Amino acid sequence: MLHPSYADLMNTVNSQVEEGETPIVNSRYSIVMATAKRARQLIDGDESFVKTDGKKPLSTAVEELDKGTIQILND
């Protein structure tokens, strides 16, 4: 099971959105795409923003998103 949950990640990402504005993330798909893209960046050599301790790139990307060290930007 993925910890944190998709719902928790969506709440974290959308926490900066004012009431009445369009949320940044509307679906699990958006979370999956964002974390996969960040994991590819980590694989390509980008520096991690959290302590990794040998974690896999996808786990690191999820933790970064959950802690708010990375953000999802709208197009």
Protein backbone atom coordinates (compact mmCIF):
# COMPACT_ATOMS: atom_id res chain seq x y z
CA MET A 1 0.00 0.00 0.00
CA LEU A 2 1.23 3.46 -0.87
CA HIS A 3 1.77 5.78 2.06
CA PRO A 4 0.70 8.55 1.96
CA SER A 5 -2.51 7.82 0.11
CA TYR A 6 -3.51 9.46 -3.16
CA ALA A 7 -6.11 11.49 -1.29
CA ASP A 8 -3.48 12.79 1.15
CA LEU A 9 -1.17 13.75 -1.73
CA MET A 10 -3.99 15.53 -3.54
CA ASN A 11 -4.82 17.48 -0.37
CA THR A 12 -1.16 18.44 0.08
CA VAL A 13 -0.81 19.65 -3.51
CA ASN A 14 -4.10 21.55 -3.44
CA SER A 15 -3.52 23.09 0.00
CA GLN A 16 -2.22 26.35 -1.52
CA VAL A 17 -5.31 26.84 -3.70
CA GLU A 18 -7.79 29.46 -2.51
CA GLU A 19 -11.42 28.45 -2.15
CA GLY A 20 -13.28 28.85 -5.43
CA GLU A 21 -10.15 28.47 -7.59
CA THR A 22 -9.52 25.46 -9.78
CA PRO A 23 -7.54 22.77 -7.92
CA ILE A 24 -4.07 21.97 -9.23
CA VAL A 25 -4.74 18.23 -9.10
CA ASN A 26 -8.11 16.68 -9.86
CA SER A 27 -7.26 12.99 -10.17
CA ARG A 28 -4.92 10.18 -9.26
CA TYR A 29 -3.59 10.32 -12.80
CA SER A 30 -2.11 13.78 -12.17
CA ILE A 31 -0.34 12.53 -9.04
CA VAL A 32 1.01 9.48 -10.85
CA MET A 33 2.28 11.53 -13.79
CA ALA A 34 3.95 14.11 -11.54
CA THR A 35 5.71 11.55 -9.37
CA ALA A 36 6.79 9.50 -12.39
CA LYS A 37 8.27 12.60 -14.02
CA ARG A 38 10.12 13.50 -10.82
CA ALA A 39 11.38 9.91 -10.47
CA ARG A 40 12.81 10.12 -14.02
CA GLN A 41 14.56 13.36 -13.07
CA LEU A 42 16.09 11.66 -10.04
CA ILE A 43 17.23 8.71 -12.17
CA ASP A 44 18.84 11.18 -14.58
CA GLY A 45 20.91 12.61 -11.73
CA ASP A 46 18.88 15.45 -10.19
CA GLU A 47 19.52 16.06 -6.50
CA SER A 48 16.90 14.79 -4.06
CA PHE A 49 15.29 17.32 -1.69
CA VAL A 50 14.73 14.75 1.07
CA LYS A 51 16.96 12.23 2.79
CA THR A 52 16.84 9.11 0.63
CA ASP A 53 18.64 6.33 2.54
CA GLY A 54 18.70 4.12 -0.56
CA LYS A 55 15.03 4.54 -1.41
CA LYS A 56 13.87 3.94 -4.95
CA PRO A 57 13.38 7.08 -7.07
CA LEU A 58 9.59 6.78 -7.09
CA SER A 59 9.43 6.52 -3.30
CA THR A 60 11.67 9.56 -3.05
CA ALA A 61 9.43 11.50 -5.47
CA VAL A 62 6.30 10.63 -3.46
CA GLU A 63 7.99 11.73 -0.23
CA GLU A 64 9.12 15.00 -1.83
CA LEU A 65 5.59 15.72 -3.01
CA ASP A 66 4.11 14.84 0.38
CA LYS A 67 6.54 17.11 2.24
CA GLY A 68 5.92 19.97 -0.19
CA THR A 69 9.53 20.23 -1.37
CA ILE A 70 8.34 19.94 -4.97
CA GLN A 71 5.22 21.40 -6.54
CA ILE A 72 3.01 20.49 -9.47
CA LEU A 73 2.54 23.40 -11.81
CA ASN A 74 -0.43 23.88 -14.12
CA ASP A 75 0.27 24.35 -17.81
